[in-house]
C-alpha atoms as a PDB file:
ATOM      1  CA  UNK A   1      -4.116  30.919  19.831  1.00  0.00           C
ATOM      2  CA  UNK A   2      -2.137  27.906  18.654  1.00  0.00           C
ATOM      3  CA  UNK A   3       1.108  29.855  18.875  1.00  0.00           C
ATOM      4  CA  UNK A   4       0.341  30.860  22.460  1.00  0.00           C
ATOM      5  CA  UNK A   5      -0.481  27.289  23.501  1.00  0.00           C
ATOM      6  CA  UNK A   6       2.587  25.842  21.792  1.00  0.00           C
ATOM      7  CA  UNK A   7       4.764  28.576  23.284  1.00  0.00           C
ATOM      8  CA  UNK A   8       3.513  27.709  26.752  1.00  0.00           C
ATOM      9  CA  UNK A   9       4.178  24.002  26.213  1.00  0.00           C
ATOM     10  CA  UNK A  10       7.691  24.651  24.906  1.00  0.00           C
ATOM     11  CA  UNK A  11       8.489  27.063  27.751  1.00  0.00           C
ATOM     12  CA  UNK A  12       7.328  24.503  30.315  1.00  0.00           C
ATOM     13  CA  UNK A  13       9.341  21.753  28.622  1.00  0.00           C
ATOM     14  CA  UNK A  14      12.446  23.963  28.534  1.00  0.00           C
ATOM     15  CA  UNK A  15      12.074  24.717  32.253  1.00  0.00           C
ATOM     16  CA  UNK A  16      11.956  20.962  32.873  1.00  0.00           C
ATOM     17  CA  UNK A  17      14.749  20.171  30.378  1.00  0.00           C
ATOM     18  CA  UNK A  18      12.289  17.992  28.485  1.00  0.00           C
ATOM     19  CA  UNK A  19      12.208  17.369  24.732  1.00  0.00           C
ATOM     20  CA  UNK A  20       9.032  18.273  22.841  1.00  0.00           C
ATOM     21  CA  UNK A  21       8.081  16.161  19.820  1.00  0.00           C
ATOM     22  CA  UNK A  22       5.052  16.685  17.611  1.00  0.00           C
ATOM     23  CA  UNK A  23       3.498  14.659  14.830  1.00  0.00           C
ATOM     24  CA  UNK A  24       1.531  15.841  11.821  1.00  0.00           C
ATOM     25  CA  UNK A  25       0.061  14.330   8.684  1.00  0.00           C
ATOM     26  CA  UNK A  26       2.272  14.778   5.644  1.00  0.00           C
ATOM     27  CA  UNK A  27       1.636  17.934   3.611  1.00  0.00           C
ATOM     28  CA  UNK A  28      -0.800  19.338   6.169  1.00  0.00           C
ATOM     29  CA  UNK A  29      -0.801  22.987   7.207  1.00  0.00           C
ATOM     30  CA  UNK A  30       0.268  21.906  10.691  1.00  0.00           C
ATOM     31  CA  UNK A  31       3.727  21.021   9.346  1.00  0.00           C
ATOM     32  CA  UNK A  32       4.327  24.629   8.313  1.00  0.00           C
ATOM     33  CA  UNK A  33       2.981  25.842  11.658  1.00  0.00           C
ATOM     34  CA  UNK A  34       5.429  23.664  13.597  1.00  0.00           C
ATOM     35  CA  UNK A  35       8.339  24.636  11.342  1.00  0.00           C
ATOM     36  CA  UNK A  36       7.580  28.338  11.912  1.00  0.00           C
ATOM     37  CA  UNK A  37       7.933  27.605  15.616  1.00  0.00           C
ATOM     38  CA  UNK A  38      11.356  25.988  15.340  1.00  0.00           C
ATOM     39  CA  UNK A  39      10.498  22.323  14.845  1.00  0.00           C
ATOM     40  CA  UNK A  40      12.187  20.235  12.152  1.00  0.00           C
ATOM     41  CA  UNK A  41      10.998  17.198  10.232  1.00  0.00           C
ATOM     42  CA  UNK A  42      12.990  14.181  11.382  1.00  0.00           C
ATOM     43  CA  UNK A  43      10.981  11.200  10.158  1.00  0.00           C
ATOM     44  CA  UNK A  44       8.046   9.937   8.101  1.00  0.00           C
ATOM     45  CA  UNK A  45       5.983   6.964   9.135  1.00  0.00           C
ATOM     46  CA  UNK A  46       4.486   4.303   6.906  1.00  0.00           C
ATOM     47  CA  UNK A  47       0.932   5.131   8.033  1.00  0.00           C
ATOM     48  CA  UNK A  48       1.321   8.660   6.739  1.00  0.00           C
ATOM     49  CA  UNK A  49       1.695   7.707   3.087  1.00  0.00           C
ATOM     50  CA  UNK A  50      -1.057   8.616   0.646  1.00  0.00           C
ATOM     51  CA  UNK A  51      -2.698   5.752  -1.162  1.00  0.00           C
END
């Protein structure tokens, strides 16, 4: 289901020539999901660091 929803969002963004950015907590499964769908890690934020 997640793949279908993300695919729809990306297709809509492409039709509008709009960039899609996503955020995920470091080392979460969602990072692998987004990478499988063509996204790349570009940054890490301070709030995402483990204590």
